[in-house]
N, C-alpha and C. Protein backbone atom coordinates (compact mmCIF):
# COMPACT_ATOMS: atom_id res chain seq x y z
N UNK A 1 5.46 14.70 11.17
CA UNK A 1 5.98 13.34 11.19
C UNK A 1 5.11 12.47 10.30
N UNK A 2 5.75 11.61 9.54
CA UNK A 2 5.01 10.72 8.65
C UNK A 2 4.23 9.68 9.44
N UNK A 3 3.09 9.33 8.93
CA UNK A 3 2.25 8.31 9.53
C UNK A 3 2.68 6.93 9.03
N UNK A 4 2.27 5.87 9.74
CA UNK A 4 2.61 4.52 9.29
C UNK A 4 1.91 4.23 7.97
N UNK A 5 2.68 3.72 7.02
CA UNK A 5 2.16 3.37 5.71
C UNK A 5 2.49 1.90 5.47
N UNK A 6 1.50 1.15 5.03
CA UNK A 6 1.68 -0.27 4.71
C UNK A 6 1.31 -0.47 3.25
N UNK A 7 2.15 -1.20 2.53
CA UNK A 7 1.85 -1.56 1.15
C UNK A 7 1.79 -3.08 1.08
N UNK A 8 0.61 -3.58 0.75
CA UNK A 8 0.43 -5.02 0.52
C UNK A 8 0.79 -5.30 -0.92
N UNK A 9 1.63 -6.29 -1.12
CA UNK A 9 2.19 -6.55 -2.44
C UNK A 9 2.29 -8.06 -2.67
N UNK A 10 2.76 -8.42 -3.84
CA UNK A 10 3.04 -9.81 -4.16
C UNK A 10 4.23 -9.83 -5.13
N UNK A 11 4.73 -10.99 -5.39
CA UNK A 11 5.88 -11.12 -6.29
C UNK A 11 5.48 -10.76 -7.72
N UNK A 12 6.41 -10.13 -8.44
CA UNK A 12 6.23 -9.82 -9.86
C UNK A 12 5.00 -8.99 -10.16
N UNK A 13 4.70 -8.04 -9.29
CA UNK A 13 3.53 -7.16 -9.47
C UNK A 13 4.03 -5.79 -9.91
N UNK A 14 3.81 -5.47 -11.18
CA UNK A 14 4.30 -4.20 -11.73
C UNK A 14 3.63 -3.01 -11.04
N UNK A 15 2.33 -3.10 -10.84
CA UNK A 15 1.61 -2.00 -10.19
C UNK A 15 2.11 -1.80 -8.76
N UNK A 16 2.42 -2.90 -8.08
CA UNK A 16 2.96 -2.81 -6.72
C UNK A 16 4.30 -2.07 -6.73
N UNK A 17 5.13 -2.40 -7.69
CA UNK A 17 6.44 -1.76 -7.84
C UNK A 17 6.27 -0.26 -8.08
N UNK A 18 5.29 0.11 -8.88
CA UNK A 18 5.04 1.53 -9.16
C UNK A 18 4.62 2.27 -7.89
N UNK A 19 3.75 1.66 -7.10
CA UNK A 19 3.29 2.29 -5.86
C UNK A 19 4.49 2.51 -4.93
N UNK A 20 5.31 1.49 -4.76
CA UNK A 20 6.47 1.60 -3.87
C UNK A 20 7.46 2.64 -4.39
N UNK A 21 7.62 2.73 -5.69
CA UNK A 21 8.53 3.71 -6.27
C UNK A 21 8.06 5.13 -5.99
N UNK A 22 6.77 5.39 -6.17
CA UNK A 22 6.21 6.72 -5.93
C UNK A 22 6.35 7.10 -4.45
N UNK A 23 6.04 6.17 -3.57
CA UNK A 23 6.17 6.46 -2.14
C UNK A 23 7.62 6.80 -1.80
N UNK A 24 8.56 6.04 -2.34
CA UNK A 24 9.98 6.31 -2.10
C UNK A 24 10.38 7.68 -2.63
N UNK A 25 9.92 8.00 -3.84
CA UNK A 25 10.24 9.30 -4.44
C UNK A 25 9.66 10.46 -3.62
N UNK A 26 8.54 10.21 -2.95
CA UNK A 26 7.91 11.24 -2.13
C UNK A 26 8.53 11.29 -0.73
N UNK A 27 9.49 10.41 -0.46
CA UNK A 27 10.16 10.40 0.84
C UNK A 27 9.33 9.78 1.95
N UNK A 28 8.39 8.92 1.56
CA UNK A 28 7.51 8.29 2.55
C UNK A 28 8.02 6.88 2.82
N UNK A 29 8.33 6.63 4.09
CA UNK A 29 8.76 5.28 4.45
C UNK A 29 7.51 4.41 4.60
N UNK A 30 7.67 3.13 4.28
CA UNK A 30 6.53 2.23 4.32
C UNK A 30 6.98 0.82 4.66
N UNK A 31 6.03 0.07 5.17
CA UNK A 31 6.25 -1.35 5.44
C UNK A 31 5.64 -2.14 4.29
N UNK A 32 6.39 -3.10 3.79
CA UNK A 32 5.90 -3.96 2.71
C UNK A 32 5.42 -5.27 3.32
N UNK A 33 4.21 -5.66 2.95
CA UNK A 33 3.66 -6.95 3.40
C UNK A 33 3.32 -7.77 2.16
N UNK A 34 4.12 -8.80 1.93
CA UNK A 34 3.97 -9.64 0.75
C UNK A 34 2.99 -10.76 1.03
N UNK A 35 1.86 -10.74 0.32
CA UNK A 35 0.82 -11.76 0.55
C UNK A 35 1.24 -13.14 0.06
N UNK A 36 2.26 -13.19 -0.80
CA UNK A 36 2.77 -14.49 -1.28
C UNK A 36 3.57 -15.20 -0.19
N UNK A 37 4.14 -14.43 0.70
CA UNK A 37 4.99 -14.98 1.75
C UNK A 37 4.18 -15.32 3.00
N UNK A 38 3.18 -14.49 3.30
CA UNK A 38 2.41 -14.67 4.52
C UNK A 38 0.91 -14.60 4.22
N UNK A 39 0.22 -15.74 4.31
CA UNK A 39 -1.22 -15.76 4.01
C UNK A 39 -2.05 -14.86 4.92
N UNK A 40 -1.55 -14.56 6.11
CA UNK A 40 -2.28 -13.66 7.01
C UNK A 40 -2.42 -12.27 6.39
N UNK A 41 -1.44 -11.88 5.59
CA UNK A 41 -1.51 -10.57 4.94
C UNK A 41 -2.66 -10.53 3.94
N UNK A 42 -2.94 -11.64 3.26
CA UNK A 42 -4.09 -11.69 2.34
C UNK A 42 -5.38 -11.47 3.12
N UNK A 43 -5.46 -12.06 4.31
CA UNK A 43 -6.65 -11.86 5.16
C UNK A 43 -6.80 -10.39 5.54
N UNK A 44 -5.68 -9.74 5.83
CA UNK A 44 -5.72 -8.31 6.17
C UNK A 44 -6.24 -7.50 4.98
N UNK A 45 -5.77 -7.82 3.78
CA UNK A 45 -6.22 -7.14 2.56
C UNK A 45 -7.73 -7.30 2.42
N UNK A 46 -8.23 -8.51 2.64
CA UNK A 46 -9.66 -8.78 2.50
C UNK A 46 -10.48 -8.02 3.54
N UNK A 47 -9.93 -7.79 4.72
CA UNK A 47 -10.64 -7.02 5.75
C UNK A 47 -10.87 -5.57 5.29
N UNK A 48 -10.00 -5.09 4.41
CA UNK A 48 -10.19 -3.75 3.85
C UNK A 48 -11.15 -3.77 2.66
N UNK A 49 -11.62 -4.95 2.29
CA UNK A 49 -12.60 -5.07 1.22
C UNK A 49 -12.02 -5.33 -0.16
N UNK A 50 -10.75 -5.73 -0.22
CA UNK A 50 -10.10 -5.98 -1.50
C UNK A 50 -9.65 -7.43 -1.60
N UNK A 51 -9.54 -7.92 -2.82
CA UNK A 51 -9.05 -9.28 -3.05
C UNK A 51 -7.63 -9.27 -3.60
N UNK A 52 -7.28 -8.23 -4.33
CA UNK A 52 -5.97 -8.17 -4.97
C UNK A 52 -5.10 -7.08 -4.39
N UNK A 53 -3.90 -6.98 -4.95
CA UNK A 53 -2.93 -5.98 -4.53
C UNK A 53 -2.48 -5.18 -5.76
N UNK A 54 -1.88 -4.05 -5.60
CA UNK A 54 -1.40 -3.46 -4.36
C UNK A 54 -2.52 -2.77 -3.58
N UNK A 55 -2.40 -2.84 -2.28
CA UNK A 55 -3.27 -2.09 -1.39
C UNK A 55 -2.35 -1.27 -0.49
N UNK A 56 -2.59 0.03 -0.46
CA UNK A 56 -1.80 0.93 0.37
C UNK A 56 -2.70 1.42 1.50
N UNK A 57 -2.16 1.38 2.73
CA UNK A 57 -2.95 1.73 3.90
C UNK A 57 -2.24 2.83 4.69
N UNK A 58 -3.01 3.87 5.03
CA UNK A 58 -2.55 4.94 5.92
C UNK A 58 -3.69 5.21 6.88
N UNK A 59 -3.43 5.09 8.18
CA UNK A 59 -4.45 5.37 9.21
C UNK A 59 -5.79 4.68 8.92
N UNK A 60 -5.78 3.42 8.68
CA UNK A 60 -6.98 2.63 8.42
C UNK A 60 -7.73 3.04 7.15
N UNK A 61 -7.14 3.88 6.33
CA UNK A 61 -7.72 4.20 5.02
C UNK A 61 -6.93 3.43 3.97
N UNK A 62 -7.63 2.66 3.18
CA UNK A 62 -6.98 1.78 2.21
C UNK A 62 -7.38 2.16 0.79
N UNK A 63 -6.39 2.08 -0.10
CA UNK A 63 -6.60 2.34 -1.52
C UNK A 63 -5.99 1.20 -2.30
N UNK A 64 -6.74 0.69 -3.28
CA UNK A 64 -6.22 -0.37 -4.13
C UNK A 64 -5.70 0.22 -5.43
N UNK A 65 -4.53 -0.26 -5.81
CA UNK A 65 -4.00 0.09 -7.12
C UNK A 65 -3.19 1.37 -7.14
N UNK A 66 -2.85 1.74 -8.36
CA UNK A 66 -2.07 2.94 -8.64
C UNK A 66 -3.04 3.93 -9.28
N UNK A 67 -3.78 4.65 -8.43
CA UNK A 67 -4.87 5.50 -8.88
C UNK A 67 -4.73 6.92 -8.34
N UNK A 68 -5.65 7.78 -8.73
CA UNK A 68 -5.67 9.15 -8.20
C UNK A 68 -5.90 9.15 -6.69
N UNK A 69 -6.64 8.15 -6.19
CA UNK A 69 -6.87 8.07 -4.75
C UNK A 69 -5.55 7.89 -4.00
N UNK A 70 -4.58 7.27 -4.67
CA UNK A 70 -3.27 7.08 -4.04
C UNK A 70 -2.62 8.44 -3.76
N UNK A 71 -2.82 9.41 -4.64
CA UNK A 71 -2.28 10.75 -4.42
C UNK A 71 -2.81 11.35 -3.12
N UNK A 72 -4.11 11.18 -2.88
CA UNK A 72 -4.73 11.68 -1.65
C UNK A 72 -4.11 10.98 -0.43
N UNK A 73 -3.88 9.69 -0.55
CA UNK A 73 -3.31 8.92 0.54
C UNK A 73 -1.87 9.37 0.82
N UNK A 74 -1.13 9.70 -0.22
CA UNK A 74 0.23 10.20 -0.06
C UNK A 74 0.22 11.51 0.72
N UNK A 75 -0.72 12.39 0.39
CA UNK A 75 -0.83 13.66 1.11
C UNK A 75 -1.18 13.42 2.58
N UNK A 76 -2.06 12.46 2.83
CA UNK A 76 -2.42 12.10 4.21
C UNK A 76 -1.20 11.58 4.96
N UNK A 77 -0.39 10.77 4.30
CA UNK A 77 0.80 10.23 4.94
C UNK A 77 1.81 11.33 5.28
N UNK A 78 1.86 12.36 4.46
CA UNK A 78 2.80 13.45 4.69
C UNK A 78 2.35 14.40 5.79
N UNK A 79 1.05 14.47 6.03
CA UNK A 79 0.52 15.46 6.99
C UNK A 79 0.79 15.08 8.43
């Protein structure tokens, strides 16, 4: 069963769009939290130690951006 996945995003963020596209292609469902809409989401991002987005979270493990670490997080979400 897939684990809960959260993607923190903002409007007009190309990197955010790429992260969401890859997750969708991998068949991973995720919750999108737009920091432009809800300032509390920005606070959540900062608690993970990041200032910007995209931030992808699986089981309290957070990765910023569209990086190789995201691949590891995708595997964690699938397990």
